């Protein structure tokens, strides 16, 4: 969803070639072809409009010149599913149109936003639908919608040819916002493969634990220490140095390992917390619609990072820092692919780094000393 700051900025603008207000929802789920053609026409017209940045349809807003648009809100009925709208629109076009439909809250009221990044045009229907005619290029001029003239269509093609290549800069930074080093000193702790269930009395640790005890406490502690002692935190930042916006910007991050080694990727806010001896320990709740997701179902983990539309000169940071957990010392290669609507071939940016440090087997006495320190930390 657009940030409140951007929504506030947009509502202070009047309607134009890059902005349209709608006070009510578009009829969609149970609507006729004629009714559904209204949202299709508005999306097409805004996509074909001459503009320098992304275009938006703000739904649940009413223009109120000379004041900012009024937030009138929407009822909970008739919400549109983005995937269904995507299928509906692109199933009727000659070429794929990139856009996004989102619903959310603004100033305590339900609203919806259709975002359309600047991209190659024109867009038109491959067959008649509802009130719309195939092969006709609908276009938004100012606050009105019409049919593009042959000259306007020609100018669209010329603009596609004239636009230069997208210029972006990807920065790898440490948590202190300094450039990411090429050398890290870390400690690799090796715990016994099988740790017993936790018991309040260590002399009874092989007995059945008390009902309210966290039987995984020892294992949680081992995972906590082994993770944080070797973790490398990376902050990813993308700057758009192009003269135009790039839409639906996305990063794919992997880390190549030395032969025989492995690596894990985690959001930093998903790193293990200090474990608790109680079974009723805090449970971390994952947020819905995260903009950074790690997919570890394949042969190697991949971090997918959504950045959205980035305006000319704008710098966007990934939603959360990325934690890299190497399995052992060695040379690693961080590889990031940059994808966006205006980048026809993904860009590959690499950062090589070396990890040095000791590999330490943790014995029983050292393990309990670590856990005692952990207990003291939790009490603080």
Protein backbone atom coordinates (compact mmCIF):
# COMPACT_ATOMS: atom_id res chain seq x y z
CA UNK A 1 0.00 0.00 0.00
CA UNK A 2 1.18 3.54 -0.69
CA UNK A 3 2.59 5.32 2.33
CA UNK A 4 0.42 7.83 4.17
CA UNK A 5 2.91 10.53 3.19
CA UNK A 6 2.49 9.78 -0.53
CA UNK A 7 -1.30 9.55 -0.22
CA UNK A 8 -1.33 12.92 1.53
CA UNK A 9 0.83 14.38 -1.24
CA UNK A 10 -1.43 12.98 -3.95
CA UNK A 11 -4.68 14.17 -2.40
CA UNK A 12 -3.30 17.71 -2.43
CA UNK A 13 -3.01 17.55 -6.23
CA UNK A 14 -5.86 18.10 -8.59
CA UNK A 15 -6.96 15.50 -11.09
CA UNK A 16 -4.73 15.27 -14.15
CA UNK A 17 -3.04 12.91 -16.56
CA UNK A 18 -1.46 11.00 -13.68
CA UNK A 19 -4.24 11.16 -11.07
CA UNK A 20 -7.93 10.35 -10.89
CA UNK A 21 -10.29 10.35 -7.89
CA UNK A 22 -13.25 8.02 -7.48
CA UNK A 23 -15.71 8.48 -4.62
CA UNK A 24 -17.18 4.99 -4.91
CA UNK A 25 -16.01 1.49 -5.72
CA UNK A 26 -16.07 0.27 -9.28
CA UNK A 27 -18.73 -2.44 -9.77
CA UNK A 28 -16.86 -5.65 -10.45
CA UNK A 29 -17.67 -9.02 -8.85
CA UNK A 30 -21.32 -9.27 -9.89
CA UNK A 31 -21.29 -6.50 -12.50
CA UNK A 32 -22.31 -6.68 -16.15
CA UNK A 33 -19.79 -6.32 -18.98
CA UNK A 34 -20.94 -2.73 -19.50
CA UNK A 35 -20.36 -1.90 -15.83
CA UNK A 36 -16.99 -3.65 -15.65
CA UNK A 37 -15.84 -1.85 -18.77
CA UNK A 38 -15.73 1.38 -16.70
CA UNK A 39 -12.76 0.26 -14.59
CA UNK A 40 -11.11 -1.23 -17.68
CA UNK A 41 -11.44 2.04 -19.58
CA UNK A 42 -10.06 4.14 -16.72
CA UNK A 43 -7.05 1.84 -16.30
CA UNK A 44 -6.32 1.87 -20.03
CA UNK A 45 -6.70 5.64 -20.30
CA UNK A 46 -4.34 6.30 -17.39
CA UNK A 47 -1.84 3.74 -18.68
CA UNK A 48 -1.79 5.49 -22.10
CA UNK A 49 -1.61 9.02 -20.67
CA UNK A 50 1.46 11.18 -21.22
CA UNK A 51 3.06 11.49 -17.78
CA UNK A 52 6.52 11.51 -16.23
CA UNK A 53 5.88 9.16 -13.32
CA UNK A 54 3.43 6.58 -12.02
CA UNK A 55 -0.30 7.19 -12.36
CA UNK A 56 -2.85 6.59 -9.61
CA UNK A 57 -6.58 6.12 -9.28
CA UNK A 58 -7.53 6.92 -5.67
CA UNK A 59 -10.84 5.27 -4.77
CA UNK A 60 -12.70 6.56 -1.74
CA UNK A 61 -11.61 10.16 -2.43
CA UNK A 62 -13.65 13.08 -3.69
CA UNK A 63 -12.08 16.11 -5.34
CA UNK A 64 -12.63 19.25 -3.28
CA UNK A 65 -10.81 22.22 -4.94
CA UNK A 66 -9.05 24.32 -3.82
CA UNK A 67 -8.69 22.08 -0.78
CA UNK A 68 -7.17 18.60 -0.63
CA UNK A 69 -9.39 15.80 -1.86
CA UNK A 70 -11.88 14.65 0.74
CA UNK A 71 -11.49 11.13 2.11
CA UNK A 72 -15.03 9.75 1.86
CA UNK A 73 -14.08 6.10 2.41
CA UNK A 74 -15.55 2.86 1.10
CA UNK A 75 -17.88 0.25 2.50
CA UNK A 76 -16.53 -3.22 3.21
CA UNK A 77 -18.79 -4.72 0.55
CA UNK A 78 -17.61 -5.18 -3.01
CA UNK A 79 -13.86 -5.30 -2.34
CA UNK A 80 -11.91 -6.26 -5.46
CA UNK A 81 -9.26 -8.98 -5.42
CA UNK A 82 -6.05 -7.83 -7.14
CA UNK A 83 -5.39 -11.20 -8.80
CA UNK A 84 -8.88 -11.32 -10.30
CA UNK A 85 -8.57 -7.76 -11.59
CA UNK A 86 -5.15 -8.55 -13.08
CA UNK A 87 -6.60 -11.57 -14.87
CA UNK A 88 -9.62 -9.58 -16.08
CA UNK A 89 -7.63 -6.65 -17.48
CA UNK A 90 -4.70 -8.48 -19.04
CA UNK A 91 -6.94 -11.16 -20.50
CA UNK A 92 -8.45 -8.52 -22.76
CA UNK A 93 -5.35 -6.61 -23.85
CA UNK A 94 -3.01 -7.05 -26.79
CA UNK A 95 0.03 -6.66 -24.48
CA UNK A 96 0.60 -7.10 -20.74
CA UNK A 97 -0.11 -4.07 -18.57
CA UNK A 98 1.66 -3.79 -15.21
CA UNK A 99 -0.46 -2.28 -12.45
CA UNK A 100 -1.48 -3.00 -8.88
CA UNK A 101 -4.77 -2.81 -6.98
CA UNK A 102 -4.57 -2.43 -3.19
CA UNK A 103 -6.99 -1.75 -0.36
CA UNK A 104 -6.12 -0.30 3.03
CA UNK A 105 -6.85 2.33 5.65
CA UNK A 106 -6.12 6.04 5.41
CA UNK A 107 -7.21 8.48 8.09
CA UNK A 108 -9.22 5.66 9.62
CA UNK A 109 -11.26 4.99 6.48
CA UNK A 110 -11.17 2.16 3.96
CA UNK A 111 -9.73 3.23 0.61
CA UNK A 112 -8.37 1.58 -2.54
CA UNK A 113 -5.55 2.54 -4.91
CA UNK A 114 -4.77 1.50 -8.47
CA UNK A 115 -1.10 2.19 -9.23
CA UNK A 116 0.15 2.15 -12.83
CA UNK A 117 3.89 2.63 -13.38
CA UNK A 118 5.10 4.39 -16.50
CA UNK A 119 5.78 1.80 -19.19
CA UNK A 120 5.80 1.29 -22.93
CA UNK A 121 2.45 2.05 -24.57
CA UNK A 122 -0.09 2.06 -26.23
CA UNK A 123 -2.44 -0.47 -24.64
CA UNK A 124 -5.67 -1.50 -26.36
CA UNK A 125 -8.23 -4.30 -26.46
CA UNK A 126 -7.84 -7.30 -28.75
CA UNK A 127 -11.65 -7.64 -29.01
CA UNK A 128 -14.72 -5.55 -28.17
CA UNK A 129 -15.86 -5.60 -24.56
CA UNK A 130 -18.81 -3.85 -22.95
CA UNK A 131 -18.76 -0.22 -24.04
CA UNK A 132 -15.21 -0.47 -25.37
CA UNK A 133 -14.00 -1.13 -28.90
CA UNK A 134 -11.01 -3.25 -29.92
CA UNK A 135 -7.89 -1.57 -31.36
CA UNK A 136 -8.98 1.81 -29.97
CA UNK A 137 -6.41 3.59 -27.79
CA UNK A 138 -8.17 5.30 -24.89
CA UNK A 139 -6.17 8.07 -23.29
CA UNK A 140 -6.47 10.42 -20.33
CA UNK A 141 -5.84 14.09 -21.12
CA UNK A 142 -5.86 16.23 -18.03
CA UNK A 143 -8.98 15.24 -16.07
CA UNK A 144 -10.91 13.84 -19.06
CA UNK A 145 -10.75 10.63 -21.08
CA UNK A 146 -10.94 10.36 -24.87
CA UNK A 147 -9.65 8.42 -27.86
CA UNK A 148 -6.06 8.97 -28.94
CA UNK A 149 -5.49 10.46 -32.37
CA UNK A 150 -3.13 8.78 -34.85
CA UNK A 151 -0.56 11.45 -34.03
CA UNK A 152 -0.79 10.72 -30.28
CA UNK A 153 -0.34 7.02 -30.93
CA UNK A 154 2.71 7.76 -33.10
CA UNK A 155 4.17 9.91 -30.32
CA UNK A 156 3.75 7.02 -27.90
CA UNK A 157 5.84 4.82 -30.19
CA UNK A 158 8.44 7.55 -30.58
CA UNK A 159 8.64 7.96 -26.79
CA UNK A 160 9.27 4.23 -26.44
CA UNK A 161 12.21 4.49 -28.84
CA UNK A 162 13.57 7.72 -27.37
CA UNK A 163 13.67 6.62 -23.76
CA UNK A 164 17.17 5.78 -22.62
CA UNK A 165 18.18 2.80 -20.55
CA UNK A 166 17.21 2.71 -16.91
CA UNK A 167 20.09 3.71 -14.63
CA UNK A 168 19.99 2.33 -11.11
CA UNK A 169 22.52 2.04 -8.28
CA UNK A 170 22.38 -0.81 -5.77
CA UNK A 171 24.23 -0.27 -2.50
CA UNK A 172 25.19 -2.95 0.03
CA UNK A 173 25.46 -1.43 3.49
CA UNK A 174 26.08 -2.56 7.04
CA UNK A 175 23.58 -1.78 9.84
CA UNK A 176 25.51 1.43 10.61
CA UNK A 177 24.79 2.64 7.04
CA UNK A 178 28.45 2.32 6.07
CA UNK A 179 29.53 0.38 2.97
CA UNK A 180 29.40 -3.37 3.52
CA UNK A 181 32.92 -4.64 4.28
CA UNK A 182 34.66 -7.34 2.25
CA UNK A 183 35.96 -9.14 5.35
CA UNK A 184 34.16 -10.32 8.47
CA UNK A 185 35.49 -11.92 11.65
CA UNK A 186 32.91 -14.34 13.02
CA UNK A 187 32.78 -17.28 15.44
CA UNK A 188 31.36 -20.66 14.48
CA UNK A 189 30.06 -22.60 17.47
CA UNK A 190 29.50 -26.33 17.10
CA UNK A 191 27.09 -27.73 19.68
CA UNK A 192 26.35 -31.42 20.33
CA UNK A 193 23.98 -32.73 17.68
CA UNK A 194 21.60 -34.12 20.29
CA UNK A 195 20.79 -31.94 23.26
CA UNK A 196 18.42 -33.30 25.92
CA UNK A 197 15.10 -31.82 26.84
CA UNK A 198 15.27 -28.99 29.34
CA UNK A 199 14.59 -29.71 33.02
CA UNK A 200 14.61 -27.18 35.84
CA UNK A 201 17.16 -29.31 37.72
CA UNK A 202 20.19 -30.18 35.62
CA UNK A 203 20.61 -33.44 37.55
CA UNK A 204 17.17 -34.39 36.25
CA UNK A 205 17.61 -33.15 32.72
CA UNK A 206 16.97 -36.59 31.27
CA UNK A 207 13.69 -36.92 33.17
CA UNK A 208 10.34 -35.67 31.92
CA UNK A 209 10.24 -31.84 32.22
CA UNK A 210 7.72 -29.91 34.25
CA UNK A 211 4.50 -29.10 32.38
CA UNK A 212 5.26 -25.41 32.03
CA UNK A 213 8.90 -25.83 31.09
CA UNK A 214 10.12 -25.17 27.55
CA UNK A 215 11.65 -28.57 26.78
CA UNK A 216 13.49 -27.04 23.79
CA UNK A 217 15.28 -24.43 25.93
CA UNK A 218 18.74 -25.98 25.50
CA UNK A 219 18.25 -26.41 21.76
CA UNK A 220 16.84 -22.89 21.44
CA UNK A 221 19.91 -21.54 23.23
CA UNK A 222 22.28 -23.41 20.95
CA UNK A 223 20.44 -22.10 17.88
CA UNK A 224 20.45 -18.56 19.30
CA UNK A 225 24.23 -18.51 19.90
CA UNK A 226 25.21 -20.33 16.70
CA UNK A 227 23.09 -17.92 14.64
CA UNK A 228 24.10 -14.58 16.14
CA UNK A 229 27.82 -15.40 16.44
CA UNK A 230 28.11 -15.97 12.66
CA UNK A 231 25.44 -13.60 11.33
CA UNK A 232 26.29 -10.92 8.75
CA UNK A 233 23.68 -8.18 8.40
CA UNK A 234 23.16 -6.52 5.04
CA UNK A 235 21.07 -3.46 4.21
CA UNK A 236 20.05 -3.21 0.54
CA UNK A 237 19.38 0.21 -1.01
CA UNK A 238 18.35 0.99 -4.58
CA UNK A 239 18.61 4.45 -6.16
CA UNK A 240 16.91 5.35 -9.45
CA UNK A 241 19.23 7.61 -11.43
CA UNK A 242 17.03 7.46 -14.53
CA UNK A 243 15.04 10.38 -15.89
CA UNK A 244 11.87 8.33 -15.49
CA UNK A 245 10.23 6.17 -12.86
CA UNK A 246 10.87 2.46 -12.71
CA UNK A 247 7.87 0.36 -11.75
CA UNK A 248 7.48 -2.86 -9.80
CA UNK A 249 11.16 -2.86 -8.81
CA UNK A 250 12.22 -6.16 -7.26
CA UNK A 251 15.43 -7.67 -5.90
CA UNK A 252 16.38 -11.36 -5.86
CA UNK A 253 19.27 -12.13 -3.52
CA UNK A 254 21.30 -15.34 -3.23
CA UNK A 255 24.69 -16.10 -1.66
CA UNK A 256 27.19 -18.42 -3.33
CA UNK A 257 29.22 -20.60 -0.93
CA UNK A 258 32.58 -22.35 -0.92
CA UNK A 259 32.35 -25.96 -2.09
CA UNK A 260 30.92 -28.18 0.62
CA UNK A 261 29.48 -25.30 2.66
CA UNK A 262 26.03 -23.79 2.93
CA UNK A 263 24.35 -20.54 3.88
CA UNK A 264 21.02 -19.50 5.38
CA UNK A 265 19.17 -16.26 4.69
CA UNK A 266 16.80 -14.65 7.18
CA UNK A 267 15.08 -11.34 7.70
CA UNK A 268 16.90 -9.77 10.65
CA UNK A 269 13.61 -9.46 12.52
CA UNK A 270 13.27 -13.26 12.13
CA UNK A 271 16.60 -13.99 13.82
CA UNK A 272 16.19 -16.05 17.04
CA UNK A 273 15.27 -14.17 20.17
CA UNK A 274 16.70 -14.87 23.63
CA UNK A 275 15.04 -18.18 24.57
CA UNK A 276 12.88 -18.58 27.64
CA UNK A 277 12.69 -21.52 30.02
CA UNK A 278 8.93 -21.15 30.15
CA UNK A 279 6.67 -22.98 27.73
CA UNK A 280 4.59 -19.79 27.68
CA UNK A 281 7.36 -17.84 26.02
CA UNK A 282 6.63 -15.01 23.62
CA UNK A 283 5.49 -16.18 20.18
CA UNK A 284 6.60 -14.07 17.26
CA UNK A 285 3.78 -13.19 14.87
CA UNK A 286 4.62 -12.74 11.20
CA UNK A 287 3.17 -9.71 9.47
CA UNK A 288 1.03 -10.22 6.43
CA UNK A 289 2.08 -8.83 3.05
CA UNK A 290 5.77 -8.68 3.88
CA UNK A 291 7.90 -6.94 1.26
CA UNK A 292 10.87 -9.20 1.98
CA UNK A 293 10.35 -12.96 1.87
CA UNK A 294 12.96 -15.73 1.95
CA UNK A 295 12.15 -18.81 -0.13
CA UNK A 296 14.23 -21.77 1.04
CA UNK A 297 12.34 -24.50 -0.80
CA UNK A 298 14.83 -24.76 -3.65
CA UNK A 299 18.43 -25.88 -3.83
CA UNK A 300 19.53 -22.57 -2.29
CA UNK A 301 17.65 -19.88 -0.35
CA UNK A 302 16.50 -16.81 -2.29
CA UNK A 303 15.43 -13.52 -0.72
CA UNK A 304 12.70 -11.75 -2.69
CA UNK A 305 12.48 -8.03 -1.95
CA UNK A 306 9.68 -5.84 -3.32
CA UNK A 307 10.53 -2.14 -3.69
CA UNK A 308 7.60 -0.98 -5.86
CA UNK A 309 7.70 2.15 -8.02
CA UNK A 310 10.82 4.30 -7.61
CA UNK A 311 10.72 7.86 -8.89
CA UNK A 312 13.61 9.60 -10.66
CA UNK A 313 16.28 10.42 -8.08
CA UNK A 314 14.51 8.48 -5.33
CA UNK A 315 16.33 6.07 -3.01
CA UNK A 316 14.44 3.14 -1.49
CA UNK A 317 15.62 0.80 1.26
CA UNK A 318 14.52 -2.80 1.61
CA UNK A 319 11.79 -3.27 4.21
CA UNK A 320 14.16 -5.13 6.55
CA UNK A 321 17.87 -5.93 6.72
CA UNK A 322 18.96 -9.35 5.51
CA UNK A 323 20.90 -11.75 7.74
CA UNK A 324 23.40 -14.07 6.08
CA UNK A 325 24.39 -17.13 8.13
CA UNK A 326 27.45 -18.85 6.61
CA UNK A 327 28.19 -22.41 7.74
CA UNK A 328 31.98 -21.94 8.00
CA UNK A 329 34.84 -19.55 7.20
CA UNK A 330 35.56 -18.99 3.51
CA UNK A 331 34.90 -16.74 0.54
CA UNK A 332 31.27 -15.99 -0.26
CA UNK A 333 29.62 -14.13 -3.12
CA UNK A 334 26.45 -12.12 -2.61
CA UNK A 335 24.52 -11.88 -5.89
CA UNK A 336 21.52 -9.61 -6.42
CA UNK A 337 19.35 -9.42 -9.53
CA UNK A 338 17.49 -6.14 -10.11
CA UNK A 339 14.18 -6.48 -11.97
CA UNK A 340 11.73 -3.74 -12.98
CA UNK A 341 9.25 -2.99 -15.74
CA UNK A 342 11.71 -0.61 -17.42
CA UNK A 343 14.67 -3.00 -17.18
CA UNK A 344 14.23 -5.52 -20.04
CA UNK A 345 17.09 -7.75 -18.86
CA UNK A 346 17.67 -8.15 -15.11
CA UNK A 347 20.84 -6.49 -13.82
CA UNK A 348 23.24 -8.60 -11.75
CA UNK A 349 25.21 -6.88 -8.98
CA UNK A 350 27.73 -8.82 -6.88
CA UNK A 351 29.57 -8.29 -3.60
CA UNK A 352 32.34 -10.71 -2.65
CA UNK A 353 33.35 -11.07 0.98
CA UNK A 354 35.56 -13.29 3.11
CA UNK A 355 34.57 -14.72 6.47
CA UNK A 356 37.35 -15.61 8.91
CA UNK A 357 37.18 -16.90 12.46
CA UNK A 358 37.44 -19.94 14.66
CA UNK A 359 35.33 -23.08 14.62
CA UNK A 360 34.75 -24.01 18.25
CA UNK A 361 33.27 -27.19 19.64
CA UNK A 362 31.25 -26.31 22.72
CA UNK A 363 31.58 -28.77 25.61
CA UNK A 364 29.07 -29.30 28.41
CA UNK A 365 30.67 -26.89 30.92
CA UNK A 366 31.08 -24.14 28.32
CA UNK A 367 27.53 -24.72 27.13
CA UNK A 368 26.05 -24.26 30.59
CA UNK A 369 28.18 -21.16 31.12
CA UNK A 370 26.75 -19.70 27.91
CA UNK A 371 23.23 -20.57 28.99
CA UNK A 372 23.76 -19.00 32.41
CA UNK A 373 24.90 -15.80 30.67
CA UNK A 374 21.85 -16.01 28.46
CA UNK A 375 19.61 -16.38 31.51
CA UNK A 376 21.19 -13.30 33.09
CA UNK A 377 20.69 -11.38 29.82
CA UNK A 378 17.01 -12.35 29.76
CA UNK A 379 16.54 -11.15 33.32
CA UNK A 380 18.10 -7.79 32.46
